[in-house]
C-alpha cells in the first residue's frame, strides 16, 4: 500500500502494532484488539484496512522498502566492491537493531497473507535480492537461475546472521566484527570466481602424486 494511503493513526502507533503482532503472534490478534491499540473504533480501522492481513502487508512492504533504500544508499556511498560488502553487512546488523519486530514478522507471519498479497511480497523480495547481487558485482558470475538462488541465499544470510549471537555477552564492536568476518567470508566464497578447468586438472595429478608418495612411504 503506497505511503499516502496508510492510516495516519497507524503511522503514529506503528511500533505498538508491530510489538502486538510479534509478541502475541499474528493469528492471535483480532481487529478489535488492533483498533484498541490504535485508539480507533473497529469501524474506523476497517475503513483504512479491510482486514488485518492488509495491515500486515503494510508492515512487510515497509520492511522491504527500507531494505531497498539501504541498498541505494550503499551504492552511492561505497563505490569499491570490498567497501560495499562491509557496508552491506553493517547496514543489515543496524537494521536488525532498528527494526527487530519487522524481522520477526517477515520471518514468521508472511505466510498469513493471501495469495495476491504474498505475490506482491515475493516481487519485492526478488527485487531486493537482484539488486543485492548487482551491488556485489555478481551478475557475470552466475546463470540467471544461479543469480536468483545465490541472491536468495545471501539475503537469508544477511537477514538471519544478526540473531546468531543473541544471548552472548559481547560489546557492540566485538559483536559486529565477529559477524562481519563470519558473513563476509561466506559471501566472498560464494562470489569467488570459478576454478578454471586448467587449475582443476592440475590439482588432480598433484593429489594423485601425494597419495602415491604416502603409499610408497608405508613400505
C-alpha atoms as a PDB file:
ATOM      1  CA  UNK A   1       0.000   0.000   0.000  1.00  0.00           C
ATOM      2  CA  UNK A   2       1.545   3.384  -1.007  1.00  0.00           C
ATOM      3  CA  UNK A   3       2.578   5.598   1.875  1.00  0.00           C
ATOM      4  CA  UNK A   4      -0.077   8.325   1.303  1.00  0.00           C
ATOM      5  CA  UNK A   5      -2.821   5.706   1.704  1.00  0.00           C
ATOM      6  CA  UNK A   6      -1.604   4.491   5.041  1.00  0.00           C
ATOM      7  CA  UNK A   7      -3.695   5.329   8.072  1.00  0.00           C
ATOM      8  CA  UNK A   8      -2.089   8.286   9.866  1.00  0.00           C
ATOM      9  CA  UNK A   9      -3.074   6.857  13.253  1.00  0.00           C
ATOM     10  CA  UNK A  10      -1.381   3.596  12.314  1.00  0.00           C
ATOM     11  CA  UNK A  11       1.784   5.507  11.370  1.00  0.00           C
ATOM     12  CA  UNK A  12       1.798   7.175  14.784  1.00  0.00           C
ATOM     13  CA  UNK A  13       1.321   3.907  16.688  1.00  0.00           C
ATOM     14  CA  UNK A  14       3.085   1.530  14.288  1.00  0.00           C
ATOM     15  CA  UNK A  15       5.573   0.283  16.903  1.00  0.00           C
ATOM     16  CA  UNK A  16       2.743  -0.730  19.225  1.00  0.00           C
ATOM     17  CA  UNK A  17       1.062  -2.703  16.441  1.00  0.00           C
ATOM     18  CA  UNK A  18       4.361  -4.324  15.490  1.00  0.00           C
ATOM     19  CA  UNK A  19       5.041  -5.364  19.064  1.00  0.00           C
ATOM     20  CA  UNK A  20       1.487  -6.680  19.436  1.00  0.00           C
ATOM     21  CA  UNK A  21       1.785  -8.853  16.322  1.00  0.00           C
ATOM     22  CA  UNK A  22       5.310 -10.011  17.143  1.00  0.00           C
ATOM     23  CA  UNK A  23       4.707 -10.792  20.820  1.00  0.00           C
ATOM     24  CA  UNK A  24       1.300 -12.483  20.557  1.00  0.00           C
ATOM     25  CA  UNK A  25       1.506 -13.867  17.030  1.00  0.00           C
ATOM     26  CA  UNK A  26      -0.452 -12.598  14.047  1.00  0.00           C
ATOM     27  CA  UNK A  27      -3.126 -15.286  14.345  1.00  0.00           C
ATOM     28  CA  UNK A  28      -3.850 -14.392  17.975  1.00  0.00           C
ATOM     29  CA  UNK A  29      -4.584 -10.698  17.349  1.00  0.00           C
ATOM     30  CA  UNK A  30      -8.048  -9.597  16.208  1.00  0.00           C
ATOM     31  CA  UNK A  31      -9.199  -6.403  14.519  1.00  0.00           C
ATOM     32  CA  UNK A  32     -10.927  -5.212  17.690  1.00  0.00           C
ATOM     33  CA  UNK A  33      -7.688  -5.509  19.667  1.00  0.00           C
ATOM     34  CA  UNK A  34      -5.816  -3.718  16.879  1.00  0.00           C
ATOM     35  CA  UNK A  35      -8.366  -0.911  16.887  1.00  0.00           C
ATOM     36  CA  UNK A  36      -7.993  -0.518  20.653  1.00  0.00           C
ATOM     37  CA  UNK A  37      -4.198  -0.439  20.251  1.00  0.00           C
ATOM     38  CA  UNK A  38      -4.538   2.367  17.703  1.00  0.00           C
ATOM     39  CA  UNK A  39      -7.162   4.284  19.643  1.00  0.00           C
ATOM     40  CA  UNK A  40      -9.743   3.767  16.878  1.00  0.00           C
ATOM     41  CA  UNK A  41     -13.168   2.206  16.692  1.00  0.00           C
ATOM     42  CA  UNK A  42     -13.279  -1.113  14.786  1.00  0.00           C
ATOM     43  CA  UNK A  43     -15.336   0.606  12.073  1.00  0.00           C
ATOM     44  CA  UNK A  44     -12.714   3.312  11.584  1.00  0.00           C
ATOM     45  CA  UNK A  45      -9.956   0.741  11.321  1.00  0.00           C
ATOM     46  CA  UNK A  46     -11.913  -1.268   8.728  1.00  0.00           C
ATOM     47  CA  UNK A  47     -12.233   1.953   6.709  1.00  0.00           C
ATOM     48  CA  UNK A  48      -8.439   2.087   6.328  1.00  0.00           C
ATOM     49  CA  UNK A  49      -7.692  -1.632   6.387  1.00  0.00           C
ATOM     50  CA  UNK A  50     -10.310  -4.153   5.156  1.00  0.00           C
ATOM     51  CA  UNK A  51      -8.544  -6.899   7.132  1.00  0.00           C
ATOM     52  CA  UNK A  52      -5.597  -7.391   9.443  1.00  0.00           C
ATOM     53  CA  UNK A  53      -3.798  -9.067   6.507  1.00  0.00           C
ATOM     54  CA  UNK A  54      -3.781  -5.664   4.777  1.00  0.00           C
ATOM     55  CA  UNK A  55      -2.165  -4.153   7.848  1.00  0.00           C
ATOM     56  CA  UNK A  56       0.417  -6.952   7.970  1.00  0.00           C
ATOM     57  CA  UNK A  57       1.150  -6.404   4.275  1.00  0.00           C
ATOM     58  CA  UNK A  58       1.745  -2.733   5.003  1.00  0.00           C
ATOM     59  CA  UNK A  59       4.359  -3.614   7.611  1.00  0.00           C
ATOM     60  CA  UNK A  60       6.120  -6.172   5.420  1.00  0.00           C
ATOM     61  CA  UNK A  61       6.172  -3.823   2.428  1.00  0.00           C
ATOM     62  CA  UNK A  62       7.625  -1.150   4.697  1.00  0.00           C
ATOM     63  CA  UNK A  63      10.398  -3.594   5.648  1.00  0.00           C
ATOM     64  CA  UNK A  64      11.369  -4.292   2.024  1.00  0.00           C
ATOM     65  CA  UNK A  65      11.151  -0.605   1.123  1.00  0.00           C
ATOM     66  CA  UNK A  66      13.732   0.065   3.830  1.00  0.00           C
ATOM     67  CA  UNK A  67      15.977  -2.752   2.582  1.00  0.00           C
ATOM     68  CA  UNK A  68      15.836  -1.380  -0.983  1.00  0.00           C
ATOM     69  CA  UNK A  69      16.550   2.151   0.242  1.00  0.00           C
ATOM     70  CA  UNK A  70      19.541   0.798   2.183  1.00  0.00           C
ATOM     71  CA  UNK A  71      20.976  -0.801  -0.962  1.00  0.00           C
ATOM     72  CA  UNK A  72      20.568   2.502  -2.798  1.00  0.00           C
ATOM     73  CA  UNK A  73      22.477   4.395  -0.108  1.00  0.00           C
ATOM     74  CA  UNK A  74      25.313   1.863  -0.080  1.00  0.00           C
ATOM     75  CA  UNK A  75      25.627   2.039  -3.856  1.00  0.00           C
ATOM     76  CA  UNK A  76      26.087   5.803  -3.685  1.00  0.00           C
ATOM     77  CA  UNK A  77      28.400   5.897  -0.677  1.00  0.00           C
ATOM     78  CA  UNK A  78      30.662   2.859  -1.230  1.00  0.00           C
ATOM     79  CA  UNK A  79      31.821   2.538  -4.850  1.00  0.00           C
ATOM     80  CA  UNK A  80      34.524  -0.117  -4.167  1.00  0.00           C
ATOM     81  CA  UNK A  81      33.306  -3.726  -4.133  1.00  0.00           C
ATOM     82  CA  UNK A  82      35.037  -4.606  -0.839  1.00  0.00           C
ATOM     83  CA  UNK A  83      33.675  -1.470   0.843  1.00  0.00           C
ATOM     84  CA  UNK A  84      30.188  -2.334  -0.390  1.00  0.00           C
ATOM     85  CA  UNK A  85      30.286  -5.779   1.199  1.00  0.00           C
ATOM     86  CA  UNK A  86      31.381  -4.435   4.584  1.00  0.00           C
ATOM     87  CA  UNK A  87      28.811  -1.624   4.415  1.00  0.00           C
ATOM     88  CA  UNK A  88      26.129  -4.131   3.464  1.00  0.00           C
ATOM     89  CA  UNK A  89      26.817  -6.338   6.462  1.00  0.00           C
ATOM     90  CA  UNK A  90      26.943  -3.394   8.876  1.00  0.00           C
ATOM     91  CA  UNK A  91      23.727  -1.969   7.438  1.00  0.00           C
ATOM     92  CA  UNK A  92      21.851  -5.239   7.974  1.00  0.00           C
ATOM     93  CA  UNK A  93      23.153  -5.526  11.526  1.00  0.00           C
ATOM     94  CA  UNK A  94      21.941  -1.976  12.227  1.00  0.00           C
ATOM     95  CA  UNK A  95      18.574  -2.635  10.579  1.00  0.00           C
ATOM     96  CA  UNK A  96      18.147  -5.695  12.760  1.00  0.00           C
ATOM     97  CA  UNK A  97      18.683  -3.468  15.798  1.00  0.00           C
ATOM     98  CA  UNK A  98      16.342  -0.749  14.495  1.00  0.00           C
ATOM     99  CA  UNK A  99      13.566  -2.981  13.091  1.00  0.00           C
ATOM    100  CA  UNK A 100      13.518  -6.131  15.269  1.00  0.00           C
ATOM    101  CA  UNK A 101       9.741  -6.558  15.089  1.00  0.00           C
ATOM    102  CA  UNK A 102       9.727  -6.234  11.298  1.00  0.00           C
ATOM    103  CA  UNK A 103      12.271  -9.027  11.003  1.00  0.00           C
ATOM    104  CA  UNK A 104      10.206 -11.296  13.222  1.00  0.00           C
ATOM    105  CA  UNK A 105       7.003 -10.617  11.297  1.00  0.00           C
ATOM    106  CA  UNK A 106       8.572 -11.212   7.893  1.00  0.00           C
ATOM    107  CA  UNK A 107      10.203 -14.445   9.026  1.00  0.00           C
ATOM    108  CA  UNK A 108       7.234 -15.853  10.893  1.00  0.00           C
ATOM    109  CA  UNK A 109       3.998 -14.395   9.512  1.00  0.00           C
ATOM    110  CA  UNK A 110       4.419 -13.735   5.775  1.00  0.00           C
ATOM    111  CA  UNK A 111       2.536 -16.977   5.134  1.00  0.00           C
ATOM    112  CA  UNK A 112      -0.578 -15.463   6.765  1.00  0.00           C
ATOM    113  CA  UNK A 113      -1.094 -13.163   3.758  1.00  0.00           C
ATOM    114  CA  UNK A 114      -3.449 -14.169   0.966  1.00  0.00           C
ATOM    115  CA  UNK A 115      -2.079 -15.348  -2.397  1.00  0.00           C
ATOM    116  CA  UNK A 116      -2.250 -11.939  -4.062  1.00  0.00           C
ATOM    117  CA  UNK A 117      -0.514 -10.270  -1.125  1.00  0.00           C
ATOM    118  CA  UNK A 118       2.158 -12.964  -0.992  1.00  0.00           C
ATOM    119  CA  UNK A 119       2.791 -12.406  -4.705  1.00  0.00           C
ATOM    120  CA  UNK A 120       3.376  -8.686  -4.004  1.00  0.00           C
ATOM    121  CA  UNK A 121       5.817  -9.532  -1.239  1.00  0.00           C
ATOM    122  CA  UNK A 122       7.538 -12.095  -3.461  1.00  0.00           C
ATOM    123  CA  UNK A 123       8.039  -9.442  -6.140  1.00  0.00           C
ATOM    124  CA  UNK A 124       9.576  -7.038  -3.611  1.00  0.00           C
ATOM    125  CA  UNK A 125      11.794  -9.761  -2.182  1.00  0.00           C
ATOM    126  CA  UNK A 126      13.084 -10.746  -5.626  1.00  0.00           C
ATOM    127  CA  UNK A 127      13.716  -7.091  -6.495  1.00  0.00           C
ATOM    128  CA  UNK A 128      15.765  -6.737  -3.321  1.00  0.00           C
ATOM    129  CA  UNK A 129      17.709  -9.954  -3.965  1.00  0.00           C
ATOM    130  CA  UNK A 130      18.506  -8.997  -7.572  1.00  0.00           C
ATOM    131  CA  UNK A 131      19.708  -5.534  -6.570  1.00  0.00           C
ATOM    132  CA  UNK A 132      21.750  -7.144  -3.810  1.00  0.00           C
ATOM    133  CA  UNK A 133      23.635  -9.279  -6.337  1.00  0.00           C
ATOM    134  CA  UNK A 134      24.153  -6.359  -8.703  1.00  0.00           C
ATOM    135  CA  UNK A 135      25.521  -4.296  -5.816  1.00  0.00           C
ATOM    136  CA  UNK A 136      28.014  -7.059  -5.053  1.00  0.00           C
ATOM    137  CA  UNK A 137      29.054  -7.266  -8.720  1.00  0.00           C
ATOM    138  CA  UNK A 138      27.971 -10.883  -9.089  1.00  0.00           C
ATOM    139  CA  UNK A 139      25.923 -10.729 -12.306  1.00  0.00           C
ATOM    140  CA  UNK A 140      28.629 -12.182 -14.589  1.00  0.00           C
ATOM    141  CA  UNK A 141      29.448 -14.951 -12.098  1.00  0.00           C
ATOM    142  CA  UNK A 142      26.118 -16.801 -12.347  1.00  0.00           C
ATOM    143  CA  UNK A 143      23.500 -18.009 -14.772  1.00  0.00           C
ATOM    144  CA  UNK A 144      20.082 -16.367 -14.446  1.00  0.00           C
ATOM    145  CA  UNK A 145      18.760 -19.159 -12.226  1.00  0.00           C
ATOM    146  CA  UNK A 146      22.025 -19.248 -10.294  1.00  0.00           C
ATOM    147  CA  UNK A 147      21.814 -15.498  -9.728  1.00  0.00           C
ATOM    148  CA  UNK A 148      18.339 -15.863  -8.222  1.00  0.00           C
ATOM    149  CA  UNK A 149      19.402 -18.756  -5.999  1.00  0.00           C
ATOM    150  CA  UNK A 150      22.571 -17.024  -4.797  1.00  0.00           C
ATOM    151  CA  UNK A 151      20.718 -13.764  -4.146  1.00  0.00           C
ATOM    152  CA  UNK A 152      18.106 -15.583  -2.089  1.00  0.00           C
ATOM    153  CA  UNK A 153      20.768 -17.410  -0.067  1.00  0.00           C
ATOM    154  CA  UNK A 154      22.858 -14.286   0.575  1.00  0.00           C
ATOM    155  CA  UNK A 155      19.780 -12.281   1.560  1.00  0.00           C
ATOM    156  CA  UNK A 156      18.751 -15.014   4.002  1.00  0.00           C
ATOM    157  CA  UNK A 157      22.277 -14.997   5.442  1.00  0.00           C
ATOM    158  CA  UNK A 158      22.349 -11.214   5.882  1.00  0.00           C
ATOM    159  CA  UNK A 159      18.909 -11.115   7.485  1.00  0.00           C
ATOM    160  CA  UNK A 160      19.393 -14.048   9.864  1.00  0.00           C
ATOM    161  CA  UNK A 161      23.025 -13.566  10.922  1.00  0.00           C
ATOM    162  CA  UNK A 162      22.387 -10.716  13.410  1.00  0.00           C
ATOM    163  CA  UNK A 163      20.395 -13.142  15.580  1.00  0.00           C
ATOM    164  CA  UNK A 164      23.181 -15.740  15.764  1.00  0.00           C
ATOM    165  CA  UNK A 165      24.920 -14.088  18.697  1.00  0.00           C
ATOM    166  CA  UNK A 166      21.821 -13.252  20.717  1.00  0.00           C
ATOM    167  CA  UNK A 167      22.409 -14.082  24.350  1.00  0.00           C
ATOM    168  CA  UNK A 168      26.190 -13.744  24.179  1.00  0.00           C
ATOM    169  CA  UNK A 169      27.765 -11.039  26.304  1.00  0.00           C
ATOM    170  CA  UNK A 170      29.690  -9.115  23.656  1.00  0.00           C
ATOM    171  CA  UNK A 171      30.213  -5.408  23.356  1.00  0.00           C
ATOM    172  CA  UNK A 172      28.867  -3.864  20.159  1.00  0.00           C
ATOM    173  CA  UNK A 173      32.216  -3.548  18.359  1.00  0.00           C
ATOM    174  CA  UNK A 174      33.216  -7.157  19.079  1.00  0.00           C
ATOM    175  CA  UNK A 175      29.757  -8.393  18.094  1.00  0.00           C
ATOM    176  CA  UNK A 176      29.838  -6.507  14.780  1.00  0.00           C
ATOM    177  CA  UNK A 177      33.419  -7.504  13.962  1.00  0.00           C
ATOM    178  CA  UNK A 178      32.637 -11.179  14.513  1.00  0.00           C
ATOM    179  CA  UNK A 179      29.567 -11.023  12.289  1.00  0.00           C
ATOM    180  CA  UNK A 180      31.431  -9.121   9.571  1.00  0.00           C
ATOM    181  CA  UNK A 181      34.128 -11.795   9.493  1.00  0.00           C
ATOM    182  CA  UNK A 182      31.690 -14.704   9.502  1.00  0.00           C
ATOM    183  CA  UNK A 183      29.232 -13.325   6.968  1.00  0.00           C
ATOM    184  CA  UNK A 184      31.807 -11.547   4.826  1.00  0.00           C
ATOM    185  CA  UNK A 185      33.888 -14.692   4.484  1.00  0.00           C
ATOM    186  CA  UNK A 186      30.874 -16.762   3.441  1.00  0.00           C
ATOM    187  CA  UNK A 187      29.698 -14.232   0.851  1.00  0.00           C
ATOM    188  CA  UNK A 188      33.197 -13.774  -0.592  1.00  0.00           C
ATOM    189  CA  UNK A 189      33.434 -17.551  -1.004  1.00  0.00           C
ATOM    190  CA  UNK A 190      30.127 -17.653  -2.873  1.00  0.00           C
ATOM    191  CA  UNK A 191      31.149 -14.793  -5.170  1.00  0.00           C
ATOM    192  CA  UNK A 192      34.698 -16.044  -5.811  1.00  0.00           C
ATOM    193  CA  UNK A 193      35.469 -16.823  -9.477  1.00  0.00           C
ATOM    194  CA  UNK A 194      35.067 -20.431 -10.531  1.00  0.00           C
ATOM    195  CA  UNK A 195      38.199 -22.511 -10.623  1.00  0.00           C
ATOM    196  CA  UNK A 196      39.361 -22.845 -14.201  1.00  0.00           C
ATOM    197  CA  UNK A 197      39.486 -26.270 -15.855  1.00  0.00           C
ATOM    198  CA  UNK A 198      43.288 -25.912 -16.008  1.00  0.00           C
ATOM    199  CA  UNK A 199      43.513 -25.369 -12.259  1.00  0.00           C
ATOM    200  CA  UNK A 200      41.251 -28.344 -11.605  1.00  0.00           C
ATOM    201  CA  UNK A 201      43.251 -30.595 -13.976  1.00  0.00           C
ATOM    202  CA  UNK A 202      46.492 -29.610 -12.232  1.00  0.00           C
ATOM    203  CA  UNK A 203      45.028 -30.195  -8.782  1.00  0.00           C
ATOM    204  CA  UNK A 204      44.066 -33.800  -9.536  1.00  0.00           C
ATOM    205  CA  UNK A 205      47.562 -35.021 -10.582  1.00  0.00           C
ATOM    206  CA  UNK A 206      49.072 -33.280  -7.536  1.00  0.00           C
ATOM    207  CA  UNK A 207      46.564 -35.044  -5.308  1.00  0.00           C
ATOM    208  CA  UNK A 208      47.315 -38.356  -7.027  1.00  0.00           C
ATOM    209  CA  UNK A 209      51.070 -37.896  -6.657  1.00  0.00           C
ATOM    210  CA  UNK A 210      50.617 -37.070  -2.984  1.00  0.00           C
ATOM    211  CA  UNK A 211      48.633 -40.243  -2.394  1.00  0.00           C
ATOM    212  CA  UNK A 212      51.218 -42.360  -4.262  1.00  0.00           C
ATOM    213  CA  UNK A 213      54.014 -40.806  -2.200  1.00  0.00           C
ATOM    214  CA  UNK A 214      52.188 -41.629   1.013  1.00  0.00           C
ATOM    215  CA  UNK A 215      51.621 -45.229  -0.154  1.00  0.00           C
ATOM    216  CA  UNK A 216      55.303 -45.687  -1.062  1.00  0.00           C
ATOM    217  CA  UNK A 217      56.448 -44.368   2.283  1.00  0.00           C
ATOM    218  CA  UNK A 218      54.389 -47.022   4.035  1.00  0.00           C
ATOM    219  CA  UNK A 219      56.724 -49.790   2.726  1.00  0.00           C
END
